[in-house]
Amino acid sequence: MFNTHTAISKFLTARYAEDVDKAQRAAELLLNVGAPQMGMSKPVAERHGRVDIQRAELQQRFLDETVLPHLGADGPLGENADRQLRLLAWAYSNHPDYKDRWLP
């Protein structure tokens, strides 16, 4: 089970890093291209960009702080952490590196 947990954790960490990168690029594009075309002020565009980046970064923090510490624990705590990990990975089930054996 621990090898599966490690594999899923690494998979999620890679996806979350990609999400942060995408959010950073989207924020830059919004600020430099989209906002001027839509008549959006620079402060509003910056705030939207920061929120999207923060949302992406919080995925990793959630994993690190609330799921990973409890993987392998006995009883309901460990079972819940395993289920959470698999549910988080399931969000990326269309990714070519996702494994069907990870389904919750």
PDB file of N, CA and C in Angstrom:
ATOM      1  N   MET A   1       0.819  -1.191   0.000  1.00  0.00           N
ATOM      2  CA  MET A   1       0.000   0.000   0.000  1.00  0.00           C
ATOM      3  C   MET A   1       0.865   1.258   0.000  1.00  0.00           C
ATOM      4  N   PHE A   2       1.971   1.211   0.730  1.00  0.00           N
ATOM      5  CA  PHE A   2       2.807   2.408   0.825  1.00  0.00           C
ATOM      6  C   PHE A   2       3.405   2.786  -0.519  1.00  0.00           C
ATOM      7  N   ASN A   3       3.769   1.812  -1.360  1.00  0.00           N
ATOM      8  CA  ASN A   3       4.284   2.131  -2.686  1.00  0.00           C
ATOM      9  C   ASN A   3       3.208   2.812  -3.524  1.00  0.00           C
ATOM     10  N   THR A   4       1.967   2.381  -3.381  1.00  0.00           N
ATOM     11  CA  THR A   4       0.860   3.023  -4.074  1.00  0.00           C
ATOM     12  C   THR A   4       0.684   4.440  -3.572  1.00  0.00           C
ATOM     13  N   HIS A   5       0.733   4.627  -2.260  1.00  0.00           N
ATOM     14  CA  HIS A   5       0.608   5.967  -1.702  1.00  0.00           C
ATOM     15  C   HIS A   5       1.715   6.883  -2.213  1.00  0.00           C
ATOM     16  N   THR A   6       2.921   6.366  -2.255  1.00  0.00           N
ATOM     17  CA  THR A   6       4.047   7.160  -2.753  1.00  0.00           C
ATOM     18  C   THR A   6       3.843   7.530  -4.209  1.00  0.00           C
ATOM     19  N   ALA A   7       3.422   6.579  -5.008  1.00  0.00           N
ATOM     20  CA  ALA A   7       3.198   6.835  -6.436  1.00  0.00           C
ATOM     21  C   ALA A   7       2.105   7.884  -6.645  1.00  0.00           C
ATOM     22  N   ILE A   8       1.017   7.752  -5.909  1.00  0.00           N
ATOM     23  CA  ILE A   8      -0.071   8.722  -6.059  1.00  0.00           C
ATOM     24  C   ILE A   8       0.375  10.094  -5.573  1.00  0.00           C
ATOM     25  N   SER A   9       1.088  10.135  -4.475  1.00  0.00           N
ATOM     26  CA  SER A   9       1.576  11.415  -3.938  1.00  0.00           C
ATOM     27  C   SER A   9       2.492  12.123  -4.930  1.00  0.00           C
ATOM     28  N   LYS A  10       3.386  11.372  -5.534  1.00  0.00           N
ATOM     29  CA  LYS A  10       4.286  11.959  -6.537  1.00  0.00           C
ATOM     30  C   LYS A  10       3.503  12.429  -7.757  1.00  0.00           C
ATOM     31  N   PHE A  11       2.528  11.637  -8.173  1.00  0.00           N
ATOM     32  CA  PHE A  11       1.670  12.002  -9.296  1.00  0.00           C
ATOM     33  C   PHE A  11       0.960  13.319  -9.002  1.00  0.00           C
ATOM     34  N   LEU A  12       0.354  13.422  -7.817  1.00  0.00           N
ATOM     35  CA  LEU A  12      -0.374  14.637  -7.458  1.00  0.00           C
ATOM     36  C   LEU A  12       0.553  15.844  -7.348  1.00  0.00           C
ATOM     37  N   THR A  13       1.710  15.652  -6.765  1.00  0.00           N
ATOM     38  CA  THR A  13       2.652  16.765  -6.641  1.00  0.00           C
ATOM     39  C   THR A  13       3.047  17.301  -8.010  1.00  0.00           C
ATOM     40  N   ALA A  14       3.246  16.412  -8.965  1.00  0.00           N
ATOM     41  CA  ALA A  14       3.575  16.844 -10.328  1.00  0.00           C
ATOM     42  C   ALA A  14       2.402  17.589 -10.969  1.00  0.00           C
ATOM     43  N   ARG A  15       1.177  17.080 -10.755  1.00  0.00           N
ATOM     44  CA  ARG A  15       0.002  17.744 -11.332  1.00  0.00           C
ATOM     45  C   ARG A  15      -0.195  19.116 -10.694  1.00  0.00           C
ATOM     46  N   TYR A  16       0.007  19.203  -9.388  1.00  0.00           N
ATOM     47  CA  TYR A  16      -0.173  20.481  -8.706  1.00  0.00           C
ATOM     48  C   TYR A  16       0.866  21.498  -9.165  1.00  0.00           C
ATOM     49  N   ALA A  17       2.090  21.046  -9.395  1.00  0.00           N
ATOM     50  CA  ALA A  17       3.120  21.955  -9.923  1.00  0.00           C
ATOM     51  C   ALA A  17       2.716  22.458 -11.304  1.00  0.00           C
ATOM     52  N   GLU A  18       2.155  21.574 -12.115  1.00  0.00           N
ATOM     53  CA  GLU A  18       1.665  21.990 -13.437  1.00  0.00           C
ATOM     54  C   GLU A  18       0.526  22.996 -13.299  1.00  0.00           C
ATOM     55  N   ASP A  19      -0.359  22.762 -12.339  1.00  0.00           N
ATOM     56  CA  ASP A  19      -1.475  23.678 -12.122  1.00  0.00           C
ATOM     57  C   ASP A  19      -0.996  25.065 -11.702  1.00  0.00           C
ATOM     58  N   VAL A  20       0.013  25.107 -10.844  1.00  0.00           N
ATOM     59  CA  VAL A  20       0.568  26.395 -10.423  1.00  0.00           C
ATOM     60  C   VAL A  20       1.190  27.105 -11.621  1.00  0.00           C
ATOM     61  N   ASP A  21       1.937  26.373 -12.422  1.00  0.00           N
ATOM     62  CA  ASP A  21       2.552  26.959 -13.612  1.00  0.00           C
ATOM     63  C   ASP A  21       1.488  27.509 -14.563  1.00  0.00           C
ATOM     64  N   LYS A  22       0.440  26.744 -14.785  1.00  0.00           N
ATOM     65  CA  LYS A  22      -0.655  27.199 -15.659  1.00  0.00           C
ATOM     66  C   LYS A  22      -1.322  28.448 -15.090  1.00  0.00           C
ATOM     67  N   ALA A  23      -1.550  28.470 -13.784  1.00  0.00           N
ATOM     68  CA  ALA A  23      -2.187  29.627 -13.148  1.00  0.00           C
ATOM     69  C   ALA A  23      -1.299  30.864 -13.259  1.00  0.00           C
ATOM     70  N   GLN A  24       0.013  30.678 -13.112  1.00  0.00           N
ATOM     71  CA  GLN A  24       0.935  31.808 -13.242  1.00  0.00           C
ATOM     72  C   GLN A  24       0.939  32.358 -14.666  1.00  0.00           C
ATOM     73  N   ARG A  25       0.946  31.451 -15.643  1.00  0.00           N
ATOM     74  CA  ARG A  25       0.924  31.897 -17.045  1.00  0.00           C
ATOM     75  C   ARG A  25      -0.402  32.559 -17.383  1.00  0.00           C
ATOM     76  N   ALA A  26      -1.499  32.016 -16.876  1.00  0.00           N
ATOM     77  CA  ALA A  26      -2.818  32.603 -17.135  1.00  0.00           C
ATOM     78  C   ALA A  26      -2.932  33.982 -16.493  1.00  0.00           C
ATOM     79  N   ALA A  27      -2.384  34.133 -15.287  1.00  0.00           N
ATOM     80  CA  ALA A  27      -2.431  35.427 -14.606  1.00  0.00           C
ATOM     81  C   ALA A  27      -1.647  36.479 -15.399  1.00  0.00           C
ATOM     82  N   GLU A  28      -0.505  36.082 -15.903  1.00  0.00           N
ATOM     83  CA  GLU A  28       0.306  37.001 -16.702  1.00  0.00           C
ATOM     84  C   GLU A  28      -0.416  37.379 -17.989  1.00  0.00           C
ATOM     85  N   LEU A  29      -1.036  36.410 -18.616  1.00  0.00           N
ATOM     86  CA  LEU A  29      -1.784  36.668 -19.844  1.00  0.00           C
ATOM     87  C   LEU A  29      -2.982  37.581 -19.570  1.00  0.00           C
ATOM     88  N   LEU A  30      -3.684  37.327 -18.488  1.00  0.00           N
ATOM     89  CA  LEU A  30      -4.815  38.177 -18.125  1.00  0.00           C
ATOM     90  C   LEU A  30      -4.353  39.604 -17.899  1.00  0.00           C
ATOM     91  N   LEU A  31      -3.291  39.762 -17.151  1.00  0.00           N
ATOM     92  CA  LEU A  31      -2.790  41.092 -16.820  1.00  0.00           C
ATOM     93  C   LEU A  31      -2.334  41.849 -18.060  1.00  0.00           C
ATOM     94  N   ASN A  32      -1.616  41.181 -18.944  1.00  0.00           N
ATOM     95  CA  ASN A  32      -0.997  41.868 -20.077  1.00  0.00           C
ATOM     96  C   ASN A  32      -1.843  41.920 -21.339  1.00  0.00           C
ATOM     97  N   VAL A  33      -2.785  40.994 -21.482  1.00  0.00           N
ATOM     98  CA  VAL A  33      -3.568  40.949 -22.719  1.00  0.00           C
ATOM     99  C   VAL A  33      -5.066  41.055 -22.444  1.00  0.00           C
ATOM    100  N   GLY A  34      -5.569  40.149 -21.626  1.00  0.00           N
ATOM    101  CA  GLY A  34      -7.011  40.066 -21.409  1.00  0.00           C
ATOM    102  C   GLY A  34      -7.603  41.288 -20.737  1.00  0.00           C
ATOM    103  N   ALA A  35      -6.986  41.717 -19.645  1.00  0.00           N
ATOM    104  CA  ALA A  35      -7.540  42.843 -18.895  1.00  0.00           C
ATOM    105  C   ALA A  35      -7.662  44.103 -19.751  1.00  0.00           C
ATOM    106  N   PRO A  36      -6.619  44.486 -20.487  1.00  0.00           N
ATOM    107  CA  PRO A  36      -6.756  45.679 -21.320  1.00  0.00           C
ATOM    108  C   PRO A  36      -7.865  45.544 -22.367  1.00  0.00           C
ATOM    109  N   GLN A  37      -8.002  44.355 -22.928  1.00  0.00           N
ATOM    110  CA  GLN A  37      -9.040  44.149 -23.947  1.00  0.00           C
ATOM    111  C   GLN A  37     -10.444  44.157 -23.341  1.00  0.00           C
ATOM    112  N   MET A  38     -10.551  43.754 -22.082  1.00  0.00           N
ATOM    113  CA  MET A  38     -11.859  43.695 -21.430  1.00  0.00           C
ATOM    114  C   MET A  38     -12.168  44.958 -20.628  1.00  0.00           C
ATOM    115  N   GLY A  39     -11.225  45.884 -20.594  1.00  0.00           N
ATOM    116  CA  GLY A  39     -11.430  47.089 -19.804  1.00  0.00           C
ATOM    117  C   GLY A  39     -11.306  46.845 -18.307  1.00  0.00           C
ATOM    118  N   MET A  40     -10.613  45.777 -17.928  1.00  0.00           N
ATOM    119  CA  MET A  40     -10.419  45.440 -16.516  1.00  0.00           C
ATOM    120  C   MET A  40      -9.226  46.226 -15.984  1.00  0.00           C
ATOM    121  N   SER A  41      -9.359  46.770 -14.793  1.00  0.00           N
ATOM    122  CA  SER A  41      -8.250  47.522 -14.207  1.00  0.00           C
ATOM    123  C   SER A  41      -7.103  46.583 -13.835  1.00  0.00           C
ATOM    124  N   LYS A  42      -5.925  47.128 -13.755  1.00  0.00           N
ATOM    125  CA  LYS A  42      -4.744  46.334 -13.403  1.00  0.00           C
ATOM    126  C   LYS A  42      -4.882  45.714 -12.007  1.00  0.00           C
ATOM    127  N   PRO A  43      -5.338  46.469 -10.989  1.00  0.00           N
ATOM    128  CA  PRO A  43      -5.482  45.850  -9.658  1.00  0.00           C
ATOM    129  C   PRO A  43      -6.471  44.679  -9.643  1.00  0.00           C
ATOM    130  N   VAL A  44      -7.556  44.790 -10.388  1.00  0.00           N
ATOM    131  CA  VAL A  44      -8.535  43.695 -10.433  1.00  0.00           C
ATOM    132  C   VAL A  44      -7.923  42.474 -11.116  1.00  0.00           C
ATOM    133  N   ALA A  45      -7.222  42.693 -12.215  1.00  0.00           N
ATOM    134  CA  ALA A  45      -6.569  41.591 -12.927  1.00  0.00           C
ATOM    135  C   ALA A  45      -5.515  40.923 -12.040  1.00  0.00           C
ATOM    136  N   GLU A  46      -4.744  41.729 -11.321  1.00  0.00           N
ATOM    137  CA  GLU A  46      -3.723  41.171 -10.430  1.00  0.00           C
ATOM    138  C   GLU A  46      -4.365  40.333  -9.328  1.00  0.00           C
ATOM    139  N   ARG A  47      -5.479  40.819  -8.771  1.00  0.00           N
ATOM    140  CA  ARG A  47      -6.162  40.092  -7.705  1.00  0.00           C
ATOM    141  C   ARG A  47      -6.697  38.750  -8.221  1.00  0.00           C
ATOM    142  N   HIS A  48      -7.302  38.751  -9.397  1.00  0.00           N
ATOM    143  CA  HIS A  48      -7.792  37.493  -9.980  1.00  0.00           C
ATOM    144  C   HIS A  48      -6.639  36.516 -10.196  1.00  0.00           C
ATOM    145  N   GLY A  49      -5.539  37.014 -10.695  1.00  0.00           N
ATOM    146  CA  GLY A  49      -4.380  36.161 -10.922  1.00  0.00           C
ATOM    147  C   GLY A  49      -3.846  35.566  -9.633  1.00  0.00           C
ATOM    148  N   ARG A  50      -3.748  36.390  -8.590  1.00  0.00           N
ATOM    149  CA  ARG A  50      -3.245  35.903  -7.295  1.00  0.00           C
ATOM    150  C   ARG A  50      -4.155  34.829  -6.718  1.00  0.00           C
ATOM    151  N   VAL A  51      -5.457  35.024  -6.836  1.00  0.00           N
ATOM    152  CA  VAL A  51      -6.417  34.051  -6.301  1.00  0.00           C
ATOM    153  C   VAL A  51      -6.271  32.711  -7.020  1.00  0.00           C
ATOM    154  N   ASP A  52      -6.135  32.745  -8.331  1.00  0.00           N
ATOM    155  CA  ASP A  52      -5.984  31.501  -9.091  1.00  0.00           C
ATOM    156  C   ASP A  52      -4.682  30.783  -8.741  1.00  0.00           C
ATOM    157  N   ILE A  53      -3.619  31.534  -8.577  1.00  0.00           N
ATOM    158  CA  ILE A  53      -2.334  30.934  -8.198  1.00  0.00           C
ATOM    159  C   ILE A  53      -2.434  30.347  -6.794  1.00  0.00           C
ATOM    160  N   GLN A  54      -3.034  31.095  -5.876  1.00  0.00           N
ATOM    161  CA  GLN A  54      -3.181  30.616  -4.502  1.00  0.00           C
ATOM    162  C   GLN A  54      -4.019  29.344  -4.455  1.00  0.00           C
ATOM    163  N   ARG A  55      -5.082  29.294  -5.233  1.00  0.00           N
ATOM    164  CA  ARG A  55      -5.933  28.099  -5.272  1.00  0.00           C
ATOM    165  C   ARG A  55      -5.104  26.889  -5.715  1.00  0.00           C
ATOM    166  N   ALA A  56      -4.277  27.082  -6.710  1.00  0.00           N
ATOM    167  CA  ALA A  56      -3.439  25.983  -7.197  1.00  0.00           C
ATOM    168  C   ALA A  56      -2.420  25.562  -6.133  1.00  0.00           C
ATOM    169  N   GLU A  57      -1.836  26.525  -5.455  1.00  0.00           N
ATOM    170  CA  GLU A  57      -0.844  26.207  -4.425  1.00  0.00           C
ATOM    171  C   GLU A  57      -1.479  25.512  -3.218  1.00  0.00           C
ATOM    172  N   LEU A  58      -2.718  25.858  -2.915  1.00  0.00           N
ATOM    173  CA  LEU A  58      -3.389  25.259  -1.763  1.00  0.00           C
ATOM    174  C   LEU A  58      -3.672  23.780  -1.940  1.00  0.00           C
ATOM    175  N   GLN A  59      -3.751  23.319  -3.168  1.00  0.00           N
ATOM    176  CA  GLN A  59      -3.950  21.889  -3.387  1.00  0.00           C
ATOM    177  C   GLN A  59      -2.793  21.101  -2.784  1.00  0.00           C
ATOM    178  N   GLN A  60      -1.563  21.554  -3.016  1.00  0.00           N
ATOM    179  CA  GLN A  60      -0.398  20.866  -2.475  1.00  0.00           C
ATOM    180  C   GLN A  60      -0.377  20.975  -0.956  1.00  0.00           C
ATOM    181  N   ARG A  61      -0.733  22.125  -0.450  1.00  0.00           N
ATOM    182  CA  ARG A  61      -0.737  22.309   0.993  1.00  0.00           C
ATOM    183  C   ARG A  61      -1.757  21.377   1.658  1.00  0.00           C
ATOM    184  N   PHE A  62      -2.948  21.258   1.048  1.00  0.00           N
ATOM    185  CA  PHE A  62      -3.965  20.340   1.576  1.00  0.00           C
ATOM    186  C   PHE A  62      -3.418  18.918   1.632  1.00  0.00           C
ATOM    187  N   LEU A  63      -2.803  18.494   0.548  1.00  0.00           N
ATOM    188  CA  LEU A  63      -2.222  17.152   0.496  1.00  0.00           C
ATOM    189  C   LEU A  63      -1.172  16.974   1.591  1.00  0.00           C
ATOM    190  N   ASP A  64      -0.248  17.909   1.673  1.00  0.00           N
ATOM    191  CA  ASP A  64       0.862  17.810   2.623  1.00  0.00           C
ATOM    192  C   ASP A  64       0.423  17.856   4.083  1.00  0.00           C
ATOM    193  N   GLU A  65      -0.580  18.693   4.369  1.00  0.00           N
ATOM    194  CA  GLU A  65      -0.940  18.932   5.764  1.00  0.00           C
ATOM    195  C   GLU A  65      -2.079  18.068   6.293  1.00  0.00           C
ATOM    196  N   THR A  66      -2.956  17.595   5.414  1.00  0.00           N
ATOM    197  CA  THR A  66      -4.130  16.884   5.929  1.00  0.00           C
ATOM    198  C   THR A  66      -4.275  15.451   5.447  1.00  0.00           C
ATOM    199  N   VAL A  67      -3.551  15.082   4.396  1.00  0.00           N
ATOM    200  CA  VAL A  67      -3.676  13.718   3.877  1.00  0.00           C
ATOM    201  C   VAL A  67      -2.414  12.905   4.172  1.00  0.00           C
ATOM    202  N   LEU A  68      -1.288  13.371   3.694  1.00  0.00           N
ATOM    203  CA  LEU A  68      -0.052  12.582   3.816  1.00  0.00           C
ATOM    204  C   LEU A  68       0.312  12.197   5.246  1.00  0.00           C
ATOM    205  N   PRO A  69       0.136  13.078   6.239  1.00  0.00           N
ATOM    206  CA  PRO A  69       0.516  12.683   7.598  1.00  0.00           C
ATOM    207  C   PRO A  69      -0.274  11.493   8.152  1.00  0.00           C
ATOM    208  N   HIS A  70      -1.430  11.205   7.562  1.00  0.00           N
ATOM    209  CA  HIS A  70      -2.297  10.164   8.117  1.00  0.00           C
ATOM    210  C   HIS A  70      -2.325   8.881   7.291  1.00  0.00           C
ATOM    211  N   LEU A  71      -1.608   8.865   6.185  1.00  0.00           N
ATOM    212  CA  LEU A  71      -1.548   7.645   5.384  1.00  0.00           C
ATOM    213  C   LEU A  71      -0.850   6.544   6.178  1.00  0.00           C
ATOM    214  N   GLY A  72      -1.431   5.376   6.180  1.00  0.00           N
ATOM    215  CA  GLY A  72      -0.845   4.248   6.903  1.00  0.00           C
ATOM    216  C   GLY A  72      -1.267   4.170   8.355  1.00  0.00           C
ATOM    217  N   ALA A  73      -2.038   5.154   8.827  1.00  0.00           N
ATOM    218  CA  ALA A  73      -2.525   5.104  10.206  1.00  0.00           C
ATOM    219  C   ALA A  73      -3.544   3.979  10.332  1.00  0.00           C
ATOM    220  N   ASP A  74      -3.638   3.428  11.495  1.00  0.00           N
ATOM    221  CA  ASP A  74      -4.610   2.363  11.747  1.00  0.00           C
ATOM    222  C   ASP A  74      -6.018   2.938  11.827  1.00  0.00           C
ATOM    223  N   GLY A  75      -6.965   2.136  11.426  1.00  0.00           N
ATOM    224  CA  GLY A  75      -8.365   2.479  11.603  1.00  0.00           C
ATOM    225  C   GLY A  75      -8.901   3.512  10.630  1.00  0.00           C
ATOM    226  N   PRO A  76      -9.983   4.170  11.041  1.00  0.00           N
ATOM    227  CA  PRO A  76     -10.671   5.111  10.150  1.00  0.00           C
ATOM    228  C   PRO A  76      -9.803   6.272   9.669  1.00  0.00           C
ATOM    229  N   LEU A  77      -8.876   6.730  10.487  1.00  0.00           N
ATOM    230  CA  LEU A  77      -8.027   7.844  10.080  1.00  0.00           C
ATOM    231  C   LEU A  77      -7.196   7.488   8.850  1.00  0.00           C
ATOM    232  N   GLY A  78      -6.568   6.335   8.875  1.00  0.00           N
ATOM    233  CA  GLY A  78      -5.775   5.886   7.738  1.00  0.00           C
ATOM    234  C   GLY A  78      -6.629   5.565   6.527  1.00  0.00           C
ATOM    235  N   GLU A  79      -7.797   4.969   6.779  1.00  0.00           N
ATOM    236  CA  GLU A  79      -8.711   4.659   5.672  1.00  0.00           C
ATOM    237  C   GLU A  79      -9.204   5.935   5.001  1.00  0.00           C
ATOM    238  N   ASN A  80      -9.515   6.939   5.798  1.00  0.00           N
ATOM    239  CA  ASN A  80      -9.976   8.212   5.256  1.00  0.00           C
ATOM    240  C   ASN A  80      -8.871   8.901   4.458  1.00  0.00           C
ATOM    241  N   ALA A  81      -7.654   8.870   4.963  1.00  0.00           N
ATOM    242  CA  ALA A  81      -6.529   9.483   4.246  1.00  0.00           C
ATOM    243  C   ALA A  81      -6.298   8.782   2.911  1.00  0.00           C
ATOM    244  N   ASP A  82      -6.389   7.453   2.900  1.00  0.00           N
ATOM    245  CA  ASP A  82      -6.229   6.701   1.655  1.00  0.00           C
ATOM    246  C   ASP A  82      -7.318   7.095   0.656  1.00  0.00           C
ATOM    247  N   ARG A  83      -8.538   7.205   1.126  1.00  0.00           N
ATOM    248  CA  ARG A  83      -9.658   7.578   0.244  1.00  0.00           C
ATOM    249  C   ARG A  83      -9.485   9.007  -0.278  1.00  0.00           C
ATOM    250  N   GLN A  84      -9.086   9.917   0.593  1.00  0.00           N
ATOM    251  CA  GLN A  84      -8.849  11.298   0.163  1.00  0.00           C
ATOM    252  C   GLN A  84      -7.774  11.360  -0.916  1.00  0.00           C
ATOM    253  N   LEU A  85      -6.691  10.626  -0.706  1.00  0.00           N
ATOM    254  CA  LEU A  85      -5.600  10.615  -1.679  1.00  0.00           C
ATOM    255  C   LEU A  85      -6.096  10.127  -3.033  1.00  0.00           C
ATOM    256  N   ARG A  86      -6.855   9.059  -3.028  1.00  0.00           N
ATOM    257  CA  ARG A  86      -7.372   8.502  -4.280  1.00  0.00           C
ATOM    258  C   ARG A  86      -8.388   9.434  -4.947  1.00  0.00           C
ATOM    259  N   LEU A  87      -9.207  10.100  -4.150  1.00  0.00           N
ATOM    260  CA  LEU A  87     -10.167  11.054  -4.710  1.00  0.00           C
ATOM    261  C   LEU A  87      -9.447  12.251  -5.329  1.00  0.00           C
ATOM    262  N   LEU A  88      -8.416  12.733  -4.667  1.00  0.00           N
ATOM    263  CA  LEU A  88      -7.641  13.849  -5.223  1.00  0.00           C
ATOM    264  C   LEU A  88      -7.005  13.460  -6.556  1.00  0.00           C
ATOM    265  N   ALA A  89      -6.495  12.251  -6.636  1.00  0.00           N
ATOM    266  CA  ALA A  89      -5.871  11.786  -7.878  1.00  0.00           C
ATOM    267  C   ALA A  89      -6.912  11.590  -8.978  1.00  0.00           C
ATOM    268  N   TRP A  90      -8.098  11.165  -8.584  1.00  0.00           N
ATOM    269  CA  TRP A  90      -9.163  10.892  -9.549  1.00  0.00           C
ATOM    270  C   TRP A  90      -9.512  12.137 -10.364  1.00  0.00           C
ATOM    271  N   ALA A  91      -9.319  13.300  -9.786  1.00  0.00           N
ATOM    272  CA  ALA A  91      -9.573  14.549 -10.507  1.00  0.00           C
ATOM    273  C   ALA A  91      -8.696  14.658 -11.760  1.00  0.00           C
ATOM    274  N   TYR A  92      -7.627  13.890 -11.797  1.00  0.00           N
ATOM    275  CA  TYR A  92      -6.692  13.909 -12.926  1.00  0.00           C
ATOM    276  C   TYR A  92      -6.726  12.586 -13.697  1.00  0.00           C
ATOM    277  N   SER A  93      -7.848  11.898 -13.641  1.00  0.00           N
ATOM    278  CA  SER A  93      -7.932  10.573 -14.261  1.00  0.00           C
ATOM    279  C   SER A  93      -7.771  10.600 -15.780  1.00  0.00           C
ATOM    280  N   ASN A  94      -7.892  11.761 -16.390  1.00  0.00           N
ATOM    281  CA  ASN A  94      -7.678  11.851 -17.836  1.00  0.00           C
ATOM    282  C   ASN A  94      -6.208  12.026 -18.199  1.00  0.00           C
ATOM    283  N   HIS A  95      -5.349  12.159 -17.207  1.00  0.00           N
ATOM    284  CA  HIS A  95      -3.907  12.316 -17.452  1.00  0.00           C
ATOM    285  C   HIS A  95      -3.310  10.960 -17.827  1.00  0.00           C
ATOM    286  N   PRO A  96      -2.386  10.930 -18.779  1.00  0.00           N
ATOM    287  CA  PRO A  96      -1.827   9.639 -19.211  1.00  0.00           C
ATOM    288  C   PRO A  96      -1.067   8.873 -18.115  1.00  0.00           C
ATOM    289  N   ASP A  97      -0.604   9.551 -17.089  1.00  0.00           N
ATOM    290  CA  ASP A  97       0.123   8.867 -16.012  1.00  0.00           C
ATOM    291  C   ASP A  97      -0.797   8.337 -14.909  1.00  0.00           C
ATOM    292  N   TYR A  98      -2.082   8.630 -15.000  1.00  0.00           N
ATOM    293  CA  TYR A  98      -3.022   8.140 -13.993  1.00  0.00           C
ATOM    294  C   TYR A  98      -3.218   6.635 -14.171  1.00  0.00           C
ATOM    295  N   LYS A  99      -3.294   5.918 -13.075  1.00  0.00           N
ATOM    296  CA  LYS A  99      -3.470   4.459 -13.086  1.00  0.00           C
ATOM    297  C   LYS A  99      -4.881   4.119 -12.588  1.00  0.00           C
ATOM    298  N   ASP A 100      -5.585   3.300 -13.336  1.00  0.00           N
ATOM    299  CA  ASP A 100      -6.944   2.917 -12.936  1.00  0.00           C
ATOM    300  C   ASP A 100      -6.983   2.207 -11.579  1.00  0.00           C
ATOM    301  N   ARG A 101      -5.912   1.570 -11.199  1.00  0.00           N
ATOM    302  CA  ARG A 101      -5.882   0.872  -9.896  1.00  0.00           C
ATOM    303  C   ARG A 101      -5.908   1.871  -8.719  1.00  0.00           C
ATOM    304  N   TRP A 102      -5.758   3.161  -9.033  1.00  0.00           N
ATOM    305  CA  TRP A 102      -5.823   4.185  -7.989  1.00  0.00           C
ATOM    306  C   TRP A 102      -7.248   4.639  -7.697  1.00  0.00           C
ATOM    307  N   LEU A 103      -8.217   4.150  -8.460  1.00  0.00           N
ATOM    308  CA  LEU A 103      -9.606   4.578  -8.245  1.00  0.00           C
ATOM    309  C   LEU A 103     -10.003   4.404  -6.796  1.00  0.00           C
ATOM    310  N   PRO A 104     -10.787   5.335  -6.286  1.00  0.00           N
ATOM    311  CA  PRO A 104     -11.232   5.213  -4.885  1.00  0.00           C
ATOM    312  C   PRO A 104     -12.182   4.035  -4.708  1.00  0.00           C
TER     313      PRO A 104
END
